[in-house]
Amino acid sequence: MSGVLASVDQRTQLVGENRLELLLFYLHSRHLFALNVFKVKEVVKLPHLNIIPHAHPKISGVANIRGESIPVIDLRKAICMSEARNIEDCNLVITEYNRTVQGFLIGKVDQIVNMTWSDIMPPPSSVGKNHYLTALTKIIRDDQEQLVEIIDVEKVLAEIIEYEVKISDDLVDQSIVNEFAGRKILHADDSPTARKQVSDTLSQLGIEIIPASNGLEALNMLKSWADRGDNVEQDLLMVITDAEMPAMDGYRLTHEIRNDKRLKNLFVVLNTSLSGSFNQAMVEKVGCNSFLSKFQPDLLVEEVQNRLKVVLEKKS
């Protein structure tokens, strides 16, 4: 299994080229699931787990990996499947999301596949709102198409870890507090959970959040507004975009914005659960104005507030 992920560190160059690689695996069922390789630190055979009394029911215990205590989430239970009966043949996927490290209990690891974001489809609206999928894709196996379900890890984690959206009392500059109302921000993210977190935070200031479920949808919105003669750069306080999304990722979205003379001066914030050091380099490469790691409500508000101050200074 070490060979499966031996070259993960060399794969990061795919990010920014509207490409990704998926780790495919099973959850002791016929269904094939996936996680983005870039968020995977390693895959190991399931080690001994230390049980924590009164832990969340979806947490199976804590694993000690080279001296680091890592909470282990039963991914079957987390997405409302029945608990795995035979954990002896389970594997542990260790991931990093939103500045935290956690392990996911899975079954058999299948393979890693290289894809473009245009191959990734959002879940159909007919599946409702209670699913745990952020996207779907298909692979060809034995001359037949096989569906792959990409798990919305942010939703899984949000149901286990309570994310606070309340803004600290002394954070907002009272001298401009009334200037937030009516400001508009375009927010592109494929995770409904992530969109709700941002909306619930910034709506406290009276800011209107315009949601988009992927980079292509966001770009089409921007271009349609510009086509009808709107001054998009003036109308939007900023664009907040996730990095990884179906159809078009946040890096490509930023690239397209910078190459449209009607949009090129938009303030773009990359808001992602990926690691900060890599994204800071990508911010500079594709031309984002700022990078913000999920989910930090005070830092989000601070970013928005600083941008508003710049806008107000230019008007004065």
C-alpha atoms as a PDB file:
ATOM      1  CA  MET A   1       0.000   0.000   0.000  1.00  0.00           C
ATOM      2  CA  SER A   2       2.906   2.367   0.601  1.00  0.00           C
ATOM      3  CA  GLY A   3       3.487   2.185  -3.150  1.00  0.00           C
ATOM      4  CA  VAL A   4      -0.008   3.506  -3.834  1.00  0.00           C
ATOM      5  CA  LEU A   5       0.810   6.844  -2.233  1.00  0.00           C
ATOM      6  CA  ALA A   6       4.572   6.858  -2.637  1.00  0.00           C
ATOM      7  CA  SER A   7       4.514   9.758  -5.071  1.00  0.00           C
ATOM      8  CA  VAL A   8       1.818  11.913  -3.471  1.00  0.00           C
ATOM      9  CA  ASP A   9       4.324  14.684  -2.812  1.00  0.00           C
ATOM     10  CA  GLN A  10       5.118  14.884  -6.527  1.00  0.00           C
ATOM     11  CA  ARG A  11       1.456  15.165  -7.497  1.00  0.00           C
ATOM     12  CA  THR A  12       0.781  18.643  -6.170  1.00  0.00           C
ATOM     13  CA  GLN A  13       1.779  20.235  -9.462  1.00  0.00           C
ATOM     14  CA  LEU A  14      -1.593  19.110 -10.816  1.00  0.00           C
ATOM     15  CA  VAL A  15      -3.318  21.680  -8.627  1.00  0.00           C
ATOM     16  CA  GLY A  16      -3.653  24.886 -10.602  1.00  0.00           C
ATOM     17  CA  GLU A  17      -3.920  23.035 -13.915  1.00  0.00           C
ATOM     18  CA  ASN A  18      -7.623  22.266 -13.352  1.00  0.00           C
ATOM     19  CA  ARG A  19      -6.573  18.672 -12.624  1.00  0.00           C
ATOM     20  CA  LEU A  20      -6.737  16.466  -9.565  1.00  0.00           C
ATOM     21  CA  GLU A  21      -6.017  12.949  -8.448  1.00  0.00           C
ATOM     22  CA  LEU A  22      -8.468  10.863  -6.498  1.00  0.00           C
ATOM     23  CA  LEU A  23      -7.798   8.061  -4.053  1.00  0.00           C
ATOM     24  CA  LEU A  24     -10.442   5.422  -4.774  1.00  0.00           C
ATOM     25  CA  PHE A  25     -11.550   3.039  -2.051  1.00  0.00           C
ATOM     26  CA  TYR A  26     -14.405   0.897  -0.787  1.00  0.00           C
ATOM     27  CA  LEU A  27     -16.356   1.035   2.450  1.00  0.00           C
ATOM     28  CA  HIS A  28     -17.071  -2.699   2.677  1.00  0.00           C
ATOM     29  CA  SER A  29     -19.661  -2.365  -0.063  1.00  0.00           C
ATOM     30  CA  ARG A  30     -19.831  -2.413  -3.846  1.00  0.00           C
ATOM     31  CA  HIS A  31     -19.854   1.368  -4.021  1.00  0.00           C
ATOM     32  CA  LEU A  32     -16.626   3.113  -4.990  1.00  0.00           C
ATOM     33  CA  PHE A  33     -15.774   6.267  -3.023  1.00  0.00           C
ATOM     34  CA  ALA A  34     -13.036   8.858  -3.372  1.00  0.00           C
ATOM     35  CA  LEU A  35     -11.026  11.547  -1.592  1.00  0.00           C
ATOM     36  CA  ASN A  36      -8.717  14.087  -3.185  1.00  0.00           C
ATOM     37  CA  VAL A  37      -5.144  12.797  -2.944  1.00  0.00           C
ATOM     38  CA  PHE A  38      -3.807  16.236  -2.103  1.00  0.00           C
ATOM     39  CA  LYS A  39      -5.618  16.157   1.240  1.00  0.00           C
ATOM     40  CA  VAL A  40      -4.269  12.708   2.078  1.00  0.00           C
ATOM     41  CA  LYS A  41      -1.130  12.546   4.198  1.00  0.00           C
ATOM     42  CA  GLU A  42      -0.783   8.760   4.120  1.00  0.00           C
ATOM     43  CA  VAL A  43      -2.659   5.453   4.145  1.00  0.00           C
ATOM     44  CA  VAL A  44      -1.794   2.768   6.704  1.00  0.00           C
ATOM     45  CA  LYS A  45      -3.236  -0.492   7.929  1.00  0.00           C
ATOM     46  CA  LEU A  46      -5.543   0.163  10.823  1.00  0.00           C
ATOM     47  CA  PRO A  47      -3.430   0.307  14.003  1.00  0.00           C
ATOM     48  CA  HIS A  48      -4.617  -0.304  17.538  1.00  0.00           C
ATOM     49  CA  LEU A  49      -7.234   2.239  18.568  1.00  0.00           C
ATOM     50  CA  ASN A  50      -7.525   3.698  22.048  1.00  0.00           C
ATOM     51  CA  ILE A  51     -11.164   4.146  22.944  1.00  0.00           C
ATOM     52  CA  ILE A  52     -12.191   7.530  24.345  1.00  0.00           C
ATOM     53  CA  PRO A  53     -15.133   7.447  26.778  1.00  0.00           C
ATOM     54  CA  HIS A  54     -18.063   9.661  25.758  1.00  0.00           C
ATOM     55  CA  ALA A  55     -16.505  10.495  22.391  1.00  0.00           C
ATOM     56  CA  HIS A  56     -18.714  11.348  19.438  1.00  0.00           C
ATOM     57  CA  PRO A  57     -20.406   8.127  18.238  1.00  0.00           C
ATOM     58  CA  LYS A  58     -18.807   8.458  14.792  1.00  0.00           C
ATOM     59  CA  ILE A  59     -15.305   8.473  16.302  1.00  0.00           C
ATOM     60  CA  SER A  60     -13.962   4.927  16.707  1.00  0.00           C
ATOM     61  CA  GLY A  61     -11.016   5.923  18.864  1.00  0.00           C
ATOM     62  CA  VAL A  62      -7.581   7.496  18.714  1.00  0.00           C
ATOM     63  CA  ALA A  63      -4.599   6.091  16.813  1.00  0.00           C
ATOM     64  CA  ASN A  64      -0.993   6.795  17.724  1.00  0.00           C
ATOM     65  CA  ILE A  65       0.906   7.466  14.495  1.00  0.00           C
ATOM     66  CA  ARG A  66       4.610   8.171  15.135  1.00  0.00           C
ATOM     67  CA  GLY A  67       3.850   9.863  18.415  1.00  0.00           C
ATOM     68  CA  GLU A  68       0.877  11.878  17.169  1.00  0.00           C
ATOM     69  CA  SER A  69      -2.587  11.136  18.549  1.00  0.00           C
ATOM     70  CA  ILE A  70      -5.060  11.143  15.652  1.00  0.00           C
ATOM     71  CA  PRO A  71      -8.835  10.833  16.050  1.00  0.00           C
ATOM     72  CA  VAL A  72     -10.263   8.101  13.840  1.00  0.00           C
ATOM     73  CA  ILE A  73     -13.656   8.613  12.226  1.00  0.00           C
ATOM     74  CA  ASP A  74     -15.639   5.607  11.002  1.00  0.00           C
ATOM     75  CA  LEU A  75     -16.436   6.869   7.519  1.00  0.00           C
ATOM     76  CA  ARG A  76     -19.260   4.367   7.043  1.00  0.00           C
ATOM     77  CA  LYS A  77     -21.054   5.633  10.138  1.00  0.00           C
ATOM     78  CA  ALA A  78     -20.179   9.234   9.275  1.00  0.00           C
ATOM     79  CA  ILE A  79     -22.122   9.047   6.014  1.00  0.00           C
ATOM     80  CA  CYS A  80     -24.977   7.123   7.647  1.00  0.00           C
ATOM     81  CA  MET A  81     -24.084   3.628   6.492  1.00  0.00           C
ATOM     82  CA  SER A  82     -24.095   0.770   8.977  1.00  0.00           C
ATOM     83  CA  GLU A  83     -20.983   0.257  11.078  1.00  0.00           C
ATOM     84  CA  ALA A  84     -18.233  -1.914   9.550  1.00  0.00           C
ATOM     85  CA  ARG A  85     -18.411  -5.417  11.056  1.00  0.00           C
ATOM     86  CA  ASN A  86     -14.897  -6.655  10.367  1.00  0.00           C
ATOM     87  CA  ILE A  87     -12.341  -3.948  11.084  1.00  0.00           C
ATOM     88  CA  GLU A  88      -9.393  -6.319  10.690  1.00  0.00           C
ATOM     89  CA  ASP A  89      -9.327  -5.627   6.952  1.00  0.00           C
ATOM     90  CA  CYS A  90      -9.809  -1.882   7.386  1.00  0.00           C
ATOM     91  CA  ASN A  91      -7.319   0.797   6.411  1.00  0.00           C
ATOM     92  CA  LEU A  92      -6.753   4.247   7.827  1.00  0.00           C
ATOM     93  CA  VAL A  93      -6.600   7.305   5.561  1.00  0.00           C
ATOM     94  CA  ILE A  94      -4.887  10.130   7.401  1.00  0.00           C
ATOM     95  CA  THR A  95      -5.966  13.517   6.082  1.00  0.00           C
ATOM     96  CA  GLU A  96      -5.554  17.206   6.772  1.00  0.00           C
ATOM     97  CA  TYR A  97      -8.595  19.455   6.528  1.00  0.00           C
ATOM     98  CA  ASN A  98      -9.142  22.923   7.953  1.00  0.00           C
ATOM     99  CA  ARG A  99      -5.814  22.888   9.836  1.00  0.00           C
ATOM    100  CA  THR A 100      -6.681  19.620  11.627  1.00  0.00           C
ATOM    101  CA  VAL A 101      -5.420  16.076  11.117  1.00  0.00           C
ATOM    102  CA  GLN A 102      -7.832  13.160  11.334  1.00  0.00           C
ATOM    103  CA  GLY A 103      -8.030   9.568  10.189  1.00  0.00           C
ATOM    104  CA  PHE A 104     -10.880   7.953   8.296  1.00  0.00           C
ATOM    105  CA  LEU A 105     -11.631   4.283   8.737  1.00  0.00           C
ATOM    106  CA  ILE A 106     -12.147   2.777   5.272  1.00  0.00           C
ATOM    107  CA  GLY A 107     -12.110  -0.637   3.618  1.00  0.00           C
ATOM    108  CA  LYS A 108     -10.021  -1.715   0.644  1.00  0.00           C
ATOM    109  CA  VAL A 109      -7.910   0.875  -1.182  1.00  0.00           C
ATOM    110  CA  ASP A 110      -8.456   0.573  -4.934  1.00  0.00           C
ATOM    111  CA  GLN A 111      -6.196   2.953  -6.896  1.00  0.00           C
ATOM    112  CA  ILE A 112      -5.310   6.558  -7.641  1.00  0.00           C
ATOM    113  CA  VAL A 113      -6.772   8.114 -10.793  1.00  0.00           C
ATOM    114  CA  ASN A 114      -5.728  11.295 -12.582  1.00  0.00           C
ATOM    115  CA  MET A 115      -8.646  13.439 -13.770  1.00  0.00           C
ATOM    116  CA  THR A 116      -9.603  16.939 -14.793  1.00  0.00           C
ATOM    117  CA  TRP A 117     -12.113  18.963 -12.822  1.00  0.00           C
ATOM    118  CA  SER A 118     -14.296  19.018 -15.933  1.00  0.00           C
ATOM    119  CA  ASP A 119     -14.734  15.257 -15.370  1.00  0.00           C
ATOM    120  CA  ILE A 120     -16.183  15.928 -11.913  1.00  0.00           C
ATOM    121  CA  MET A 121     -19.945  16.423 -11.713  1.00  0.00           C
ATOM    122  CA  PRO A 122     -22.023  17.902  -8.896  1.00  0.00           C
ATOM    123  CA  PRO A 123     -24.554  15.515  -7.343  1.00  0.00           C
ATOM    124  CA  PRO A 124     -27.947  15.641  -9.074  1.00  0.00           C
ATOM    125  CA  SER A 125     -30.559  17.752  -7.320  1.00  0.00           C
ATOM    126  CA  SER A 126     -32.788  14.677  -7.081  1.00  0.00           C
ATOM    127  CA  VAL A 127     -30.636  13.221  -4.280  1.00  0.00           C
ATOM    128  CA  GLY A 128     -31.917  15.895  -1.885  1.00  0.00           C
ATOM    129  CA  LYS A 129     -29.999  17.764   0.800  1.00  0.00           C
ATOM    130  CA  ASN A 130     -29.112  14.988   3.238  1.00  0.00           C
ATOM    131  CA  HIS A 131     -26.444  13.242   1.186  1.00  0.00           C
ATOM    132  CA  TYR A 132     -22.722  13.294   1.947  1.00  0.00           C
ATOM    133  CA  LEU A 133     -21.443  13.779  -1.594  1.00  0.00           C
ATOM    134  CA  THR A 134     -19.630  16.831  -2.844  1.00  0.00           C
ATOM    135  CA  ALA A 135     -19.338  15.467  -6.381  1.00  0.00           C
ATOM    136  CA  LEU A 136     -19.539  12.425  -8.656  1.00  0.00           C
ATOM    137  CA  THR A 137     -17.367  11.108 -11.441  1.00  0.00           C
ATOM    138  CA  LYS A 138     -17.052   7.999 -13.594  1.00  0.00           C
ATOM    139  CA  ILE A 139     -14.200   5.686 -14.463  1.00  0.00           C
ATOM    140  CA  ILE A 140     -13.975   2.993 -17.130  1.00  0.00           C
ATOM    141  CA  ARG A 141     -13.347  -0.493 -15.788  1.00  0.00           C
ATOM    142  CA  ASP A 142     -13.636  -3.676 -17.851  1.00  0.00           C
ATOM    143  CA  ASP A 143     -15.115  -1.575 -20.676  1.00  0.00           C
ATOM    144  CA  GLN A 144     -17.918  -0.403 -18.403  1.00  0.00           C
ATOM    145  CA  GLU A 145     -18.558   2.896 -16.653  1.00  0.00           C
ATOM    146  CA  GLN A 146     -18.385   2.807 -12.883  1.00  0.00           C
ATOM    147  CA  LEU A 147     -19.713   5.599 -10.714  1.00  0.00           C
ATOM    148  CA  VAL A 148     -17.399   7.127  -8.098  1.00  0.00           C
ATOM    149  CA  GLU A 149     -18.861   9.064  -5.164  1.00  0.00           C
ATOM    150  CA  ILE A 150     -16.643  11.880  -3.820  1.00  0.00           C
ATOM    151  CA  ILE A 151     -17.361  12.461  -0.147  1.00  0.00           C
ATOM    152  CA  ASP A 152     -18.089  15.903   1.287  1.00  0.00           C
ATOM    153  CA  VAL A 153     -15.578  15.703   4.125  1.00  0.00           C
ATOM    154  CA  GLU A 154     -16.380  19.222   5.279  1.00  0.00           C
ATOM    155  CA  LYS A 155     -19.960  18.156   5.986  1.00  0.00           C
ATOM    156  CA  VAL A 156     -18.728  15.034   7.793  1.00  0.00           C
ATOM    157  CA  LEU A 157     -16.407  17.084  10.001  1.00  0.00           C
ATOM    158  CA  ALA A 158     -18.991  19.797  10.649  1.00  0.00           C
ATOM    159  CA  GLU A 159     -21.335  17.174  12.128  1.00  0.00           C
ATOM    160  CA  ILE A 160     -18.610  16.027  14.514  1.00  0.00           C
ATOM    161  CA  ILE A 161     -16.779  19.268  15.277  1.00  0.00           C
ATOM    162  CA  GLU A 162     -18.902  22.275  16.145  1.00  0.00           C
ATOM    163  CA  TYR A 163     -17.703  25.226  14.077  1.00  0.00           C
ATOM    164  CA  GLU A 164     -18.397  28.580  15.707  1.00  0.00           C
ATOM    165  CA  VAL A 165     -19.694  31.300  13.376  1.00  0.00           C
ATOM    166  CA  LYS A 166     -20.121  33.984  16.024  1.00  0.00           C
ATOM    167  CA  ILE A 167     -17.945  37.032  15.446  1.00  0.00           C
ATOM    168  CA  SER A 168     -15.833  38.248  18.371  1.00  0.00           C
ATOM    169  CA  ASP A 169     -17.409  41.310  19.983  1.00  0.00           C
ATOM    170  CA  ASP A 170     -14.425  43.625  19.637  1.00  0.00           C
ATOM    171  CA  LEU A 171     -13.453  42.633  16.092  1.00  0.00           C
ATOM    172  CA  VAL A 172     -15.678  44.879  14.000  1.00  0.00           C
ATOM    173  CA  ASP A 173     -14.552  48.484  13.566  1.00  0.00           C
ATOM    174  CA  GLN A 174     -17.516  50.468  14.817  1.00  0.00           C
ATOM    175  CA  SER A 175     -16.566  53.466  12.690  1.00  0.00           C
ATOM    176  CA  ILE A 176     -17.462  51.538   9.524  1.00  0.00           C
ATOM    177  CA  VAL A 177     -19.946  49.006  10.882  1.00  0.00           C
ATOM    178  CA  ASN A 178     -22.805  50.572   8.912  1.00  0.00           C
ATOM    179  CA  GLU A 179     -20.840  50.341   5.672  1.00  0.00           C
ATOM    180  CA  PHE A 180     -21.137  46.541   5.497  1.00  0.00           C
ATOM    181  CA  ALA A 181     -24.879  46.503   4.849  1.00  0.00           C
ATOM    182  CA  GLY A 182     -25.729  45.957   1.199  1.00  0.00           C
ATOM    183  CA  ARG A 183     -22.203  44.969   0.153  1.00  0.00           C
ATOM    184  CA  LYS A 184     -22.067  41.920  -2.103  1.00  0.00           C
ATOM    185  CA  ILE A 185     -19.624  39.014  -2.169  1.00  0.00           C
ATOM    186  CA  LEU A 186     -19.586  36.188  -4.697  1.00  0.00           C
ATOM    187  CA  HIS A 187     -18.725  32.920  -2.942  1.00  0.00           C
ATOM    188  CA  ALA A 188     -17.807  29.822  -4.949  1.00  0.00           C
ATOM    189  CA  ASP A 189     -17.613  26.497  -3.102  1.00  0.00           C
ATOM    190  CA  ASP A 190     -18.876  23.032  -3.971  1.00  0.00           C
ATOM    191  CA  SER A 191     -19.617  22.154  -0.343  1.00  0.00           C
ATOM    192  CA  PRO A 192     -23.038  23.364   0.886  1.00  0.00           C
ATOM    193  CA  THR A 193     -21.636  23.170   4.413  1.00  0.00           C
ATOM    194  CA  ALA A 194     -18.770  25.534   3.557  1.00  0.00           C
ATOM    195  CA  ARG A 195     -21.128  27.944   1.799  1.00  0.00           C
ATOM    196  CA  LYS A 196     -23.405  28.002   4.834  1.00  0.00           C
ATOM    197  CA  GLN A 197     -20.504  28.666   7.204  1.00  0.00           C
ATOM    198  CA  VAL A 198     -19.394  31.705   5.215  1.00  0.00           C
ATOM    199  CA  SER A 199     -22.937  32.958   4.716  1.00  0.00           C
ATOM    200  CA  ASP A 200     -23.882  32.542   8.390  1.00  0.00           C
ATOM    201  CA  THR A 201     -20.757  34.468   9.413  1.00  0.00           C
ATOM    202  CA  LEU A 202     -20.887  37.394   7.001  1.00  0.00           C
ATOM    203  CA  SER A 203     -24.671  37.827   7.030  1.00  0.00           C
ATOM    204  CA  GLN A 204     -24.285  39.020  10.627  1.00  0.00           C
ATOM    205  CA  LEU A 205     -22.733  42.147   9.125  1.00  0.00           C
ATOM    206  CA  GLY A 206     -25.518  42.650   6.600  1.00  0.00           C
ATOM    207  CA  ILE A 207     -23.416  41.450   3.679  1.00  0.00           C
ATOM    208  CA  GLU A 208     -25.220  39.726   0.802  1.00  0.00           C
ATOM    209  CA  ILE A 209     -23.581  36.465  -0.229  1.00  0.00           C
ATOM    210  CA  ILE A 210     -24.134  35.334  -3.823  1.00  0.00           C
ATOM    211  CA  PRO A 211     -23.452  31.564  -3.891  1.00  0.00           C
ATOM    212  CA  ALA A 212     -21.943  29.492  -6.690  1.00  0.00           C
ATOM    213  CA  SER A 213     -21.387  25.738  -6.475  1.00  0.00           C
ATOM    214  CA  ASN A 214     -18.241  25.693  -8.614  1.00  0.00           C
ATOM    215  CA  GLY A 215     -15.767  27.920 -10.407  1.00  0.00           C
ATOM    216  CA  LEU A 216     -17.451  27.662 -13.800  1.00  0.00           C
ATOM    217  CA  GLU A 217     -20.799  28.742 -12.381  1.00  0.00           C
ATOM    218  CA  ALA A 218     -19.095  31.694 -10.674  1.00  0.00           C
ATOM    219  CA  LEU A 219     -17.271  32.690 -13.865  1.00  0.00           C
ATOM    220  CA  ASN A 220     -20.472  32.503 -15.909  1.00  0.00           C
ATOM    221  CA  MET A 221     -22.174  34.779 -13.379  1.00  0.00           C
ATOM    222  CA  LEU A 222     -19.358  37.308 -13.550  1.00  0.00           C
ATOM    223  CA  LYS A 223     -19.272  37.334 -17.344  1.00  0.00           C
ATOM    224  CA  SER A 224     -23.064  37.606 -17.644  1.00  0.00           C
ATOM    225  CA  TRP A 225     -23.067  40.651 -15.362  1.00  0.00           C
ATOM    226  CA  ALA A 226     -20.254  42.224 -17.350  1.00  0.00           C
ATOM    227  CA  ASP A 227     -22.020  41.409 -20.643  1.00  0.00           C
ATOM    228  CA  ARG A 228     -25.104  43.333 -19.582  1.00  0.00           C
ATOM    229  CA  GLY A 229     -22.987  46.358 -18.739  1.00  0.00           C
ATOM    230  CA  ASP A 230     -22.684  46.057 -14.954  1.00  0.00           C
ATOM    231  CA  ASN A 231     -19.561  47.436 -13.299  1.00  0.00           C
ATOM    232  CA  VAL A 232     -18.707  44.137 -11.625  1.00  0.00           C
ATOM    233  CA  GLU A 233     -15.514  45.401 -10.002  1.00  0.00           C
ATOM    234  CA  GLN A 234     -17.518  48.112  -8.284  1.00  0.00           C
ATOM    235  CA  ASP A 235     -20.571  46.016  -7.445  1.00  0.00           C
ATOM    236  CA  LEU A 236     -18.675  43.201  -5.700  1.00  0.00           C
ATOM    237  CA  LEU A 237     -16.634  43.759  -2.581  1.00  0.00           C
ATOM    238  CA  MET A 238     -14.713  40.574  -3.376  1.00  0.00           C
ATOM    239  CA  VAL A 239     -14.843  37.047  -4.728  1.00  0.00           C
ATOM    240  CA  ILE A 240     -14.233  34.230  -2.250  1.00  0.00           C
ATOM    241  CA  THR A 241     -13.376  30.925  -3.878  1.00  0.00           C
ATOM    242  CA  ASP A 242     -12.589  27.411  -2.778  1.00  0.00           C
ATOM    243  CA  ALA A 243      -9.598  25.771  -4.444  1.00  0.00           C
ATOM    244  CA  GLU A 244     -11.105  22.426  -5.451  1.00  0.00           C
ATOM    245  CA  MET A 245     -14.458  22.385  -7.242  1.00  0.00           C
ATOM    246  CA  PRO A 246     -16.167  20.448 -10.051  1.00  0.00           C
ATOM    247  CA  ALA A 247     -16.032  21.854 -13.596  1.00  0.00           C
ATOM    248  CA  MET A 248     -13.480  24.543 -12.718  1.00  0.00           C
ATOM    249  CA  ASP A 249     -11.224  24.908  -9.686  1.00  0.00           C
ATOM    250  CA  GLY A 250     -10.535  28.151  -7.854  1.00  0.00           C
ATOM    251  CA  TYR A 251      -7.092  28.593  -9.377  1.00  0.00           C
ATOM    252  CA  ARG A 252      -8.484  28.419 -12.918  1.00  0.00           C
ATOM    253  CA  LEU A 253     -11.342  30.728 -11.928  1.00  0.00           C
ATOM    254  CA  THR A 254      -8.828  33.309 -10.727  1.00  0.00           C
ATOM    255  CA  HIS A 255      -6.797  32.900 -13.921  1.00  0.00           C
ATOM    256  CA  GLU A 256      -9.905  33.523 -16.037  1.00  0.00           C
ATOM    257  CA  ILE A 257     -10.824  36.592 -13.967  1.00  0.00           C
ATOM    258  CA  ARG A 258      -7.360  38.085 -14.398  1.00  0.00           C
ATOM    259  CA  ASN A 259      -7.561  37.561 -18.160  1.00  0.00           C
ATOM    260  CA  ASP A 260     -10.867  39.387 -18.607  1.00  0.00           C
ATOM    261  CA  LYS A 261     -10.298  43.154 -18.767  1.00  0.00           C
ATOM    262  CA  ARG A 262     -13.750  43.765 -17.287  1.00  0.00           C
ATOM    263  CA  LEU A 263     -13.005  41.631 -14.223  1.00  0.00           C
ATOM    264  CA  LYS A 264      -9.230  41.683 -13.828  1.00  0.00           C
ATOM    265  CA  ASN A 265      -9.195  44.041 -10.831  1.00  0.00           C
ATOM    266  CA  LEU A 266     -11.617  42.017  -8.716  1.00  0.00           C
ATOM    267  CA  PHE A 267     -10.316  41.228  -5.235  1.00  0.00           C
ATOM    268  CA  VAL A 268     -10.073  37.426  -5.021  1.00  0.00           C
ATOM    269  CA  VAL A 269      -9.628  35.477  -1.787  1.00  0.00           C
ATOM    270  CA  LEU A 270      -8.699  31.792  -1.930  1.00  0.00           C
ATOM    271  CA  ASN A 271     -10.549  30.115   0.941  1.00  0.00           C
ATOM    272  CA  THR A 272      -9.632  26.455   1.207  1.00  0.00           C
ATOM    273  CA  SER A 273      -9.071  23.548   3.559  1.00  0.00           C
ATOM    274  CA  LEU A 274      -5.763  22.720   1.863  1.00  0.00           C
ATOM    275  CA  SER A 275      -2.446  23.406   3.581  1.00  0.00           C
ATOM    276  CA  GLY A 276      -1.361  27.030   3.779  1.00  0.00           C
ATOM    277  CA  SER A 277       2.262  26.878   2.620  1.00  0.00           C
ATOM    278  CA  PHE A 278       1.413  25.363  -0.756  1.00  0.00           C
ATOM    279  CA  ASN A 279      -1.558  27.627  -1.292  1.00  0.00           C
ATOM    280  CA  GLN A 280       0.461  30.743  -0.568  1.00  0.00           C
ATOM    281  CA  ALA A 281       2.662  29.818  -3.517  1.00  0.00           C
ATOM    282  CA  MET A 282      -0.406  29.149  -5.666  1.00  0.00           C
ATOM    283  CA  VAL A 283      -1.932  32.505  -4.649  1.00  0.00           C
ATOM    284  CA  GLU A 284       1.110  34.242  -6.068  1.00  0.00           C
ATOM    285  CA  LYS A 285       1.178  32.058  -9.182  1.00  0.00           C
ATOM    286  CA  VAL A 286      -2.421  32.571 -10.303  1.00  0.00           C
ATOM    287  CA  GLY A 287      -2.905  36.092  -8.952  1.00  0.00           C
ATOM    288  CA  CYS A 288      -5.215  35.767  -5.957  1.00  0.00           C
ATOM    289  CA  ASN A 289      -5.088  38.735  -3.603  1.00  0.00           C
ATOM    290  CA  SER A 290      -5.164  36.714  -0.404  1.00  0.00           C
ATOM    291  CA  PHE A 291      -5.308  33.216   1.066  1.00  0.00           C
ATOM    292  CA  LEU A 292      -7.510  32.216   3.981  1.00  0.00           C
ATOM    293  CA  SER A 293      -7.620  28.738   5.475  1.00  0.00           C
ATOM    294  CA  LYS A 294     -11.035  27.327   6.426  1.00  0.00           C
ATOM    295  CA  PHE A 295     -12.852  27.784   8.743  1.00  0.00           C
ATOM    296  CA  GLN A 296     -11.907  30.836  10.812  1.00  0.00           C
ATOM    297  CA  PRO A 297     -14.819  33.279  11.187  1.00  0.00           C
ATOM    298  CA  ASP A 298     -12.829  36.074  12.821  1.00  0.00           C
ATOM    299  CA  LEU A 299     -10.106  35.946  10.181  1.00  0.00           C
ATOM    300  CA  LEU A 300     -12.765  35.872   7.467  1.00  0.00           C
ATOM    301  CA  VAL A 301     -14.418  38.978   8.905  1.00  0.00           C
ATOM    302  CA  GLU A 302     -11.039  40.656   9.308  1.00  0.00           C
ATOM    303  CA  GLU A 303     -10.232  39.979   5.646  1.00  0.00           C
ATOM    304  CA  VAL A 304     -13.565  41.414   4.528  1.00  0.00           C
ATOM    305  CA  GLN A 305     -13.227  44.401   6.838  1.00  0.00           C
ATOM    306  CA  ASN A 306      -9.742  45.227   5.591  1.00  0.00           C
ATOM    307  CA  ARG A 307     -10.965  45.085   2.008  1.00  0.00           C
ATOM    308  CA  LEU A 308     -13.889  47.379   2.827  1.00  0.00           C
ATOM    309  CA  LYS A 309     -11.524  49.915   4.397  1.00  0.00           C
ATOM    310  CA  VAL A 310      -9.453  49.992   1.203  1.00  0.00           C
ATOM    311  CA  VAL A 311     -12.598  50.547  -0.876  1.00  0.00           C
ATOM    312  CA  LEU A 312     -13.756  53.351   1.391  1.00  0.00           C
ATOM    313  CA  GLU A 313     -10.339  55.021   1.321  1.00  0.00           C
ATOM    314  CA  LYS A 314     -10.346  55.031  -2.474  1.00  0.00           C
ATOM    315  CA  LYS A 315     -13.728  56.787  -2.468  1.00  0.00           C
ATOM    316  CA  SER A 316     -12.722  59.462   0.038  1.00  0.00           C
END
